[in-house]
Amino acid sequence: MTATIQAIGHVSPTGRIVTDADAGTPPWFAARRAGITGTDLPKILGDSPYGNALSVWHDKRGDILDDLVSEAGEWGHILEDPIAQEWARRNKVQVVRVGVVANTKHDWQRASLDRLVHGCPDAEICGLEVKTRSAFKAGMFRDDIPDDVLAQVAWGRLVTGLPHMHVAVLIGGQQMLEFTYEPDVQLETFLIEKASALWQAVEDNNPPDVEPDSDGVLIGLLNKLYESRAGTRELPPKDVEKWVAQYRAAHVDEKAAAALKEKAKAALIALLDDGEIGVVNEEPVFTYRRPSASYSVPTKALAELKSEDPELYEQLLAGEWITESSPSPRFLLK
């Protein structure tokens, strides 16, 4: 088992532990919310699909409920210790579990270190960041630490004052990659600048401006903040004109692209005659086959069941034979 630091106190040149609570617990969330942590940096910089600077701002204010851990996140938590232990075995060092650490001079600068490392040949004590990624993400680690992980690791180093940080990444559950982050003054100065501005915005109760994105990050945040909507709002005409024009132009381009796609598909299927696999030089290029029959219950039939036999409907709902969704708001341009 990995050793655990129990005492609240100094654990690195410029870091003190503020809680050794397990990840995902209320004390852990509270300690992280009291400052900017490594996982906040990719969001602040716009490098994360899980949030942006505005979502970090709302999180620090307590406007957003703590997210339930996804299955991928849960597996990452389960595998963290085996990965850390195997990395330590390969490198002949000892790893120590640690909680949320705050900078001794700037309490708002915080980091959730995965492990402290003792016995590193290049330093008396350093840090280890553990990651798990699917095989589809392997390319991101082909040459070096990807930007989102790099920001998190660099922040952890500058908060703690450790000489360097190691990164152990388990790819696809069967390949471990190892990296080392050495202090990069230019990068860390940049991170402090961005993080300081965000934390100042939290203290000033002044939300940061964020650019709309095409990945659903901003819309996802707004759906969390405003789960119920009602009423009308008077909007700035110039902004509305700009974005409506862009939306309409993109809609026209989208329809044209869809038409070209459908035309190409029809041409390829025509070449196939009565076959179901198209090949070129014995290499499969595309398939056109009829899928197995699927089953569904019309919405009207479910509504009738709910009205005529509510007890049976509730039983089917409880047994997850029927599921009810919580649809997101629908955007409709008038």
Protein backbone atom coordinates (compact mmCIF):
# COMPACT_ATOMS: atom_id res chain seq x y z
CA MET A 1 0.00 0.00 0.00
CA THR A 2 1.05 3.58 -0.62
CA ALA A 3 1.96 5.50 2.53
CA THR A 4 -0.31 8.40 3.42
CA ILE A 5 0.67 11.72 4.94
CA GLN A 6 -1.64 12.24 7.90
CA ALA A 7 -0.33 15.41 9.51
CA ILE A 8 -1.37 18.85 8.27
CA GLY A 9 1.85 20.74 7.61
CA HIS A 10 4.74 21.34 5.23
CA VAL A 11 5.27 18.59 2.67
CA SER A 12 7.46 20.39 0.11
CA PRO A 13 9.66 23.50 -0.16
CA THR A 14 6.67 25.83 -0.67
CA GLY A 15 3.70 23.55 -0.02
CA ARG A 16 1.64 22.69 3.02
CA ILE A 17 -1.11 20.10 3.10
CA VAL A 18 -4.55 21.51 3.92
CA THR A 19 -6.47 18.24 3.81
CA ASP A 20 -5.68 14.58 3.31
CA ALA A 21 -9.33 13.74 2.61
CA ASP A 22 -10.05 11.25 -0.17
CA ALA A 23 -10.76 12.63 -3.63
CA GLY A 24 -14.43 13.29 -4.31
CA THR A 25 -15.38 13.84 -0.65
CA PRO A 26 -16.91 17.11 0.65
CA PRO A 27 -13.70 18.18 2.50
CA TRP A 28 -11.68 17.54 -0.66
CA PHE A 29 -14.04 19.63 -2.79
CA ALA A 30 -14.05 22.39 -0.14
CA ALA A 31 -10.24 22.54 -0.04
CA ARG A 32 -10.02 22.77 -3.82
CA ARG A 33 -12.75 25.38 -4.02
CA ALA A 34 -10.74 27.67 -1.73
CA GLY A 35 -8.22 28.32 -4.49
CA ILE A 36 -7.09 27.55 -8.03
CA THR A 37 -5.93 23.96 -8.58
CA GLY A 38 -4.11 22.22 -11.40
CA THR A 39 -7.26 20.85 -13.01
CA ASP A 40 -8.62 24.40 -13.20
CA LEU A 41 -5.76 25.58 -15.41
CA PRO A 42 -6.74 23.74 -18.64
CA LYS A 43 -10.25 25.15 -18.23
CA ILE A 44 -8.97 28.68 -17.64
CA LEU A 45 -6.74 28.38 -20.72
CA GLY A 46 -9.52 26.95 -22.91
CA ASP A 47 -7.83 23.56 -23.29
CA SER A 48 -10.48 21.43 -21.57
CA PRO A 49 -13.74 19.88 -22.83
CA TYR A 50 -14.99 19.84 -19.22
CA GLY A 51 -15.20 23.56 -18.51
CA ASN A 52 -13.93 27.06 -19.16
CA ALA A 53 -12.86 30.12 -17.15
CA LEU A 54 -16.48 30.99 -16.41
CA SER A 55 -17.26 27.50 -15.08
CA VAL A 56 -14.21 27.73 -12.80
CA TRP A 57 -15.45 31.12 -11.56
CA HIS A 58 -18.91 29.71 -10.78
CA ASP A 59 -17.37 26.63 -9.15
CA LYS A 60 -15.26 28.74 -6.76
CA ARG A 61 -18.37 30.68 -5.79
CA GLY A 62 -20.26 27.45 -5.06
CA ASP A 63 -22.81 28.06 -7.83
CA ILE A 64 -22.33 24.59 -9.32
CA LEU A 65 -22.95 21.36 -7.46
CA ASP A 66 -19.99 19.00 -7.24
CA ASP A 67 -20.09 16.71 -10.26
CA LEU A 68 -20.65 13.02 -9.84
CA VAL A 69 -17.55 11.09 -10.84
CA SER A 70 -17.91 9.53 -14.30
CA GLU A 71 -17.17 5.84 -14.83
CA ALA A 72 -13.91 6.80 -16.55
CA GLY A 73 -13.03 9.00 -13.59
CA GLU A 74 -13.92 6.23 -11.15
CA TRP A 75 -11.63 3.79 -12.95
CA GLY A 76 -8.91 6.41 -12.94
CA HIS A 77 -9.26 6.66 -9.16
CA ILE A 78 -9.22 2.86 -8.76
CA LEU A 79 -6.13 2.46 -10.94
CA GLU A 80 -4.20 5.41 -9.51
CA ASP A 81 -2.49 3.45 -6.76
CA PRO A 82 -1.54 0.39 -8.88
CA ILE A 83 -0.09 2.71 -11.54
CA ALA A 84 1.84 4.72 -8.92
CA GLN A 85 3.15 1.55 -7.31
CA GLU A 86 4.27 0.04 -10.60
CA TRP A 87 5.94 3.30 -11.62
CA ALA A 88 7.74 3.38 -8.25
CA ARG A 89 8.86 -0.24 -8.68
CA ARG A 90 10.26 0.43 -12.13
CA ASN A 91 12.10 3.53 -10.95
CA LYS A 92 13.20 2.08 -7.59
CA VAL A 93 11.66 4.89 -5.51
CA GLN A 94 8.99 5.27 -2.84
CA VAL A 95 5.72 7.08 -3.46
CA VAL A 96 3.64 8.74 -0.74
CA ARG A 97 -0.03 9.64 -0.98
CA VAL A 98 -0.80 13.31 -0.31
CA GLY A 99 -3.95 15.43 -0.29
CA VAL A 100 -4.65 19.01 -1.32
CA VAL A 101 -1.59 21.24 -0.96
CA ALA A 102 -1.53 25.05 -0.70
CA ASN A 103 1.37 27.36 -1.42
CA THR A 104 2.85 28.69 1.83
CA LYS A 105 2.92 32.30 0.56
CA HIS A 106 -0.19 32.35 -1.62
CA ASP A 107 -2.88 30.21 -0.03
CA TRP A 108 -5.16 30.39 -3.09
CA GLN A 109 -2.54 28.56 -5.17
CA ARG A 110 -3.47 24.92 -4.58
CA ALA A 111 -2.72 21.50 -6.04
CA SER A 112 -4.09 18.00 -5.59
CA LEU A 113 -0.84 16.06 -5.86
CA ASP A 114 -1.27 12.39 -6.68
CA ARG A 115 1.97 11.33 -5.00
CA LEU A 116 5.18 12.67 -3.49
CA VAL A 117 8.27 10.75 -4.59
CA HIS A 118 11.17 9.89 -2.26
CA GLY A 119 14.48 8.52 -3.49
CA CYS A 120 14.50 10.04 -6.97
CA PRO A 121 18.11 10.03 -8.28
CA ASP A 122 17.82 13.68 -9.32
CA ALA A 123 16.12 15.07 -6.21
CA GLU A 124 15.53 14.21 -2.58
CA ILE A 125 11.79 14.72 -3.07
CA CYS A 126 9.68 15.38 -6.18
CA GLY A 127 6.15 14.75 -7.40
CA LEU A 128 4.19 12.24 -9.49
CA GLU A 129 1.06 12.85 -11.55
CA VAL A 130 -0.89 9.72 -12.54
CA LYS A 131 -3.19 9.57 -15.55
CA THR A 132 -5.27 6.92 -17.29
CA ARG A 133 -6.22 7.38 -20.95
CA SER A 134 -7.97 5.26 -23.54
CA ALA A 135 -6.05 3.86 -26.48
CA PHE A 136 -7.72 6.49 -28.67
CA LYS A 137 -5.78 9.19 -26.75
CA ALA A 138 -2.38 7.54 -27.22
CA GLY A 139 -1.44 9.92 -30.03
CA MET A 140 -1.66 12.88 -27.66
CA PHE A 141 1.28 11.44 -25.71
CA ARG A 142 3.35 10.39 -28.73
CA ASP A 143 5.92 13.18 -28.50
CA ASP A 144 5.53 14.80 -25.08
CA ILE A 145 3.07 15.77 -22.35
CA PRO A 146 -0.08 17.23 -23.98
CA ASP A 147 -0.98 20.84 -23.17
CA ASP A 148 -3.81 20.15 -20.71
CA VAL A 149 -1.73 17.75 -18.61
CA LEU A 150 1.33 19.98 -18.94
CA ALA A 151 -0.56 22.96 -17.47
CA GLN A 152 -1.75 20.84 -14.54
CA VAL A 153 1.70 19.40 -13.82
CA ALA A 154 3.48 22.75 -14.15
CA TRP A 155 0.98 24.31 -11.75
CA GLY A 156 1.55 21.52 -9.23
CA ARG A 157 5.29 22.10 -9.38
CA LEU A 158 5.12 25.87 -8.90
CA VAL A 159 2.63 25.56 -6.02
CA THR A 160 4.81 23.05 -4.17
CA GLY A 161 8.26 24.29 -5.17
CA LEU A 162 9.34 20.74 -6.00
CA PRO A 163 12.39 20.48 -8.29
CA HIS A 164 10.48 18.59 -10.96
CA MET A 165 7.40 16.42 -11.60
CA HIS A 166 7.06 12.96 -13.09
CA VAL A 167 4.05 11.83 -15.12
CA ALA A 168 2.92 8.19 -15.41
CA VAL A 169 0.20 7.52 -17.98
CA LEU A 170 -1.51 4.16 -18.44
CA ILE A 171 -2.71 3.93 -22.05
CA GLY A 172 -5.54 1.57 -22.88
CA GLY A 173 -5.01 -0.34 -19.64
CA GLN A 174 -1.87 -2.05 -20.99
CA GLN A 175 0.93 0.42 -21.75
CA MET A 176 2.61 2.80 -19.31
CA LEU A 177 4.29 5.92 -20.62
CA GLU A 178 6.62 8.04 -18.47
CA PHE A 179 7.53 11.71 -18.73
CA THR A 180 9.38 14.26 -16.59
CA TYR A 181 8.51 17.94 -16.35
CA GLU A 182 11.40 20.26 -15.53
CA PRO A 183 10.64 23.84 -14.38
CA ASP A 184 9.74 26.13 -17.27
CA VAL A 185 9.86 29.71 -15.94
CA GLN A 186 8.10 31.21 -18.95
CA LEU A 187 5.25 28.70 -18.81
CA GLU A 188 4.81 28.98 -15.05
CA THR A 189 4.83 32.79 -15.19
CA PHE A 190 2.10 32.58 -17.83
CA LEU A 191 0.05 30.20 -15.67
CA ILE A 192 0.34 32.45 -12.61
CA GLU A 193 -0.81 35.42 -14.69
CA LYS A 194 -3.92 33.60 -15.95
CA ALA A 195 -4.74 31.99 -12.61
CA SER A 196 -4.24 35.25 -10.69
CA ALA A 197 -6.64 37.07 -13.01
CA LEU A 198 -9.29 34.39 -12.49
CA TRP A 199 -8.87 34.32 -8.72
CA GLN A 200 -9.05 38.12 -8.62
CA ALA A 201 -12.31 37.89 -10.59
CA VAL A 202 -13.65 35.48 -7.94
CA GLU A 203 -12.71 37.85 -5.12
CA ASP A 204 -14.13 40.86 -6.99
CA ASN A 205 -17.35 38.98 -7.80
CA ASN A 206 -16.75 39.87 -11.45
CA PRO A 207 -17.36 37.01 -13.93
CA PRO A 208 -14.71 36.59 -16.66
CA ASP A 209 -15.57 36.98 -20.32
CA VAL A 210 -15.35 33.76 -22.34
CA GLU A 211 -15.60 33.19 -26.06
CA PRO A 212 -18.46 31.00 -27.33
CA ASP A 213 -17.12 27.58 -28.34
CA SER A 214 -18.15 24.87 -30.78
CA ASP A 215 -17.58 21.98 -28.33
CA GLY A 216 -20.65 22.57 -26.14
CA VAL A 217 -18.62 23.72 -23.11
CA LEU A 218 -20.37 27.07 -22.66
CA ILE A 219 -23.83 25.68 -23.42
CA GLY A 220 -23.24 22.83 -20.97
CA LEU A 221 -22.37 25.34 -18.26
CA LEU A 222 -25.42 27.50 -18.99
CA ASN A 223 -27.68 24.44 -18.86
CA LYS A 224 -26.29 23.64 -15.40
CA LEU A 225 -26.76 27.19 -14.15
CA TYR A 226 -30.26 27.64 -15.55
CA GLU A 227 -32.04 24.31 -15.33
CA SER A 228 -35.42 26.04 -15.67
CA ARG A 229 -36.14 28.93 -18.01
CA ALA A 230 -39.07 31.31 -18.40
CA GLY A 231 -39.86 34.79 -19.63
CA THR A 232 -38.29 37.08 -22.22
CA ARG A 233 -35.10 39.12 -22.22
CA GLU A 234 -34.32 42.27 -24.19
CA LEU A 235 -31.04 41.65 -26.01
CA PRO A 236 -28.35 43.95 -27.54
CA PRO A 237 -29.29 44.32 -31.25
CA LYS A 238 -25.72 44.38 -32.64
CA ASP A 239 -24.71 41.17 -30.87
CA VAL A 240 -27.89 39.41 -31.93
CA GLU A 241 -27.47 40.54 -35.55
CA LYS A 242 -23.88 39.29 -35.63
CA TRP A 243 -24.57 35.82 -34.23
CA VAL A 244 -27.86 35.28 -36.08
CA ALA A 245 -26.11 36.09 -39.37
CA GLN A 246 -23.33 33.63 -38.53
CA TYR A 247 -25.81 30.94 -37.51
CA ARG A 248 -27.80 31.32 -40.75
CA ALA A 249 -24.66 31.30 -42.91
CA ALA A 250 -23.39 28.17 -41.18
CA HIS A 251 -26.82 26.54 -41.61
CA VAL A 252 -26.66 27.15 -45.37
CA ASP A 253 -23.13 25.72 -45.53
CA GLU A 254 -24.22 22.74 -43.44
CA LYS A 255 -27.10 21.96 -45.81
CA ALA A 256 -24.82 22.25 -48.83
CA ALA A 257 -22.25 19.94 -47.22
CA ALA A 258 -24.97 17.44 -46.31
CA ALA A 259 -26.19 17.45 -49.92
CA LEU A 260 -22.68 16.80 -51.25
CA LYS A 261 -22.22 14.02 -48.71
CA GLU A 262 -25.50 12.38 -49.74
CA LYS A 263 -24.57 12.64 -53.44
CA ALA A 264 -21.21 10.96 -52.85
CA LYS A 265 -22.85 8.22 -50.80
CA ALA A 266 -25.37 7.53 -53.59
CA ALA A 267 -22.56 7.28 -56.15
CA LEU A 268 -20.61 4.80 -54.01
CA ILE A 269 -23.67 2.63 -53.36
CA ALA A 270 -24.44 2.60 -57.09
CA LEU A 271 -20.94 1.20 -57.72
CA LEU A 272 -21.63 -1.59 -55.24
CA ASP A 273 -24.58 -3.10 -57.15
CA ASP A 274 -25.93 -5.89 -54.90
CA GLY A 275 -22.80 -6.24 -52.75
CA GLU A 276 -22.41 -5.06 -49.18
CA ILE A 277 -18.63 -4.46 -48.92
CA GLY A 278 -16.79 -2.21 -51.36
CA VAL A 279 -13.09 -3.00 -51.79
CA VAL A 280 -10.21 -1.47 -53.76
CA ASN A 281 -7.14 -3.61 -54.35
CA GLU A 282 -8.63 -6.13 -51.90
CA GLU A 283 -8.78 -3.47 -49.13
CA PRO A 284 -12.26 -2.70 -47.67
CA VAL A 285 -13.32 0.90 -48.29
CA PHE A 286 -16.97 1.01 -47.17
CA THR A 287 -19.91 -1.22 -46.30
CA TYR A 288 -23.61 -0.97 -47.07
CA ARG A 289 -25.52 -3.56 -45.11
CA ARG A 290 -28.92 -3.68 -43.47
CA PRO A 291 -28.68 -3.72 -39.65
CA SER A 292 -30.59 -6.14 -37.43
CA ALA A 293 -34.14 -5.20 -36.54
CA SER A 294 -34.51 -2.91 -33.53
CA TYR A 295 -37.43 -2.48 -31.16
CA SER A 296 -39.03 0.66 -29.83
CA VAL A 297 -42.21 1.75 -28.10
CA PRO A 298 -44.02 4.76 -29.59
CA THR A 299 -44.28 7.78 -27.33
CA LYS A 300 -48.06 7.71 -27.74
CA ALA A 301 -48.20 4.13 -26.45
CA LEU A 302 -46.14 5.05 -23.37
CA ALA A 303 -48.40 8.02 -22.67
CA GLU A 304 -51.44 5.75 -22.86
CA LEU A 305 -49.82 3.20 -20.53
CA LYS A 306 -48.94 5.91 -18.03
CA SER A 307 -52.52 7.17 -18.08
CA GLU A 308 -54.35 3.81 -18.10
CA ASP A 309 -52.07 1.77 -15.81
CA PRO A 310 -49.87 4.15 -13.79
CA GLU A 311 -48.86 1.40 -11.34
CA LEU A 312 -47.45 -0.81 -14.10
CA TYR A 313 -45.77 2.22 -15.66
CA GLU A 314 -44.03 3.04 -12.36
CA GLN A 315 -42.91 -0.58 -11.98
CA LEU A 316 -41.40 -0.58 -15.46
CA LEU A 317 -39.76 2.77 -14.71
CA ALA A 318 -38.31 1.50 -11.43
CA GLY A 319 -36.98 -1.61 -13.18
CA GLU A 320 -35.44 0.57 -15.90
CA TRP A 321 -37.51 -1.12 -18.59
CA ILE A 322 -38.62 2.43 -19.34
CA THR A 323 -36.28 5.39 -18.98
CA GLU A 324 -37.19 9.05 -18.91
CA SER A 325 -34.68 11.53 -20.29
CA SER A 326 -33.98 15.08 -19.20
CA PRO A 327 -33.61 16.84 -22.54
CA SER A 328 -31.53 19.97 -22.88
CA PRO A 329 -33.23 23.18 -24.01
CA ARG A 330 -33.89 23.29 -27.77
CA PHE A 331 -32.59 26.23 -29.79
CA LEU A 332 -35.00 27.41 -32.50
CA LEU A 333 -34.23 30.48 -34.62
CA LYS A 334 -37.41 32.38 -35.39
